[in-house]
C-alpha cells in the first residue's frame, strides 16, 4: 500500500510531542551497531573522540535545564548532549547554558559535543544558531569553549542508521523500527512547517491539530462534551469562562465565506450563550470593539495567523489574541 502511513506516524499526528521521537531514538541507540554508527557520524563531523560513550540517557534534570539525550561514558560523564527540536528551536542562551554545564561535567581532560537535531526544513536555521554561538562565545565560559557545536537533520541521522542495518528482516526488525521513527519525524516536521508551506492535501489536518492544541493553552475550560456539529465551522472547540455566568465561546476554522473571509481562525461568542448581552456590551465598550464582526447574531473576532510562522509560534500568537479578548469580555 504505497499511501500507507506507519502506525506511530499516525499517533504522532494526534499527540505532536517531541518526547515520542526522543524516546524512540534512545531505544534505538541501545543497539551497539546503531550507537556506533551515530557516534562515528558525529566524530567525523566534529573531530571529537566519542568512542568512550557506552550508553544514552534521556530527560536528566540539571540546574541548567532538562537534557533530552546524553551520551555518557562508563563514569556517567556527558560526552555528547543531544537537544531534540521540531517546533521552537534552541536559543543562543540555552546553547551557552548547556555548553557551560557540559564543560563543567567533563572537567579539564575531555572534549564533548552539543548536538542540535532538527527537521531538514530547519537545519539552516539551527546551523545559524550554532554559528552565532561559536562567534559570540562569552569570556566567562571557560573550558566549555572546547565543546563542539553541531546541527544535524533527522533525515541525515536516520539515513545513516538505515544504511547500517539495510532494508531489514520484515516487520519485526530494527529496520522496521527506524521506519516507524522516520514516520514520527515526518509528522512532527510538518508540525514545525509554516502554514504557508503545508500542502493543500495536508492543510485541513494541520488546522485541526492547531485547534486541538489550543485547548492546552487557552485560559478557559475546554468543553469536550460540546463537540457537536456546527455549520459555521470546519473544525472548532468550545470553551467556558466560569466566572462569566456560564459564558461559552468557541475557537475554530471557518470556511472562507463572506462576511467571515478575512481570517482562517475565529473566536465566537454565540448569541445563545449565558450572559451574552452583558458580554456583548463589555466588548463594544472595550479596546477590541473595532475587531468585532457580527454574523447570524453572534459576536466574532478574527484571529490573525501569520502563515509564515511554524505551528508552535502560531499557537502562541493566537493565544495572545484570545487573552486580550477574554480580558475585555470580563472587564
Foldseek 3Di string as FASTA:
>chain_A
DVPDFDPLLVVCLQVLDQLVLLVLVQVLCLDVLLVVLLQVVVCVVFVFDPVQFDHKDAQDQDPLGTFGIFRAGPVRQRQETEDEDQADFDALVSVLSVLLVNDVRVDDPHEHEYEYEYAPVCQVVQVVRQVVNLVDPDPPSPPSNRYHYYYDYPVVSLVSSCVRQDCADPCPGSNVSSSSSVSSRVSSNLLNAFLVPDDPVCNVSSQQSLQVVLCVPAPFHWDPVPQDDDVQAPGKTKTFHVVQQGFIKMKGAGPCDPPPNPAGIKIKGDQPTPNQVLLVVLCCPDPCNVQWDDDPRITMGHQDADRRGRSVVRSVSRNVVSVVSVVSSVD
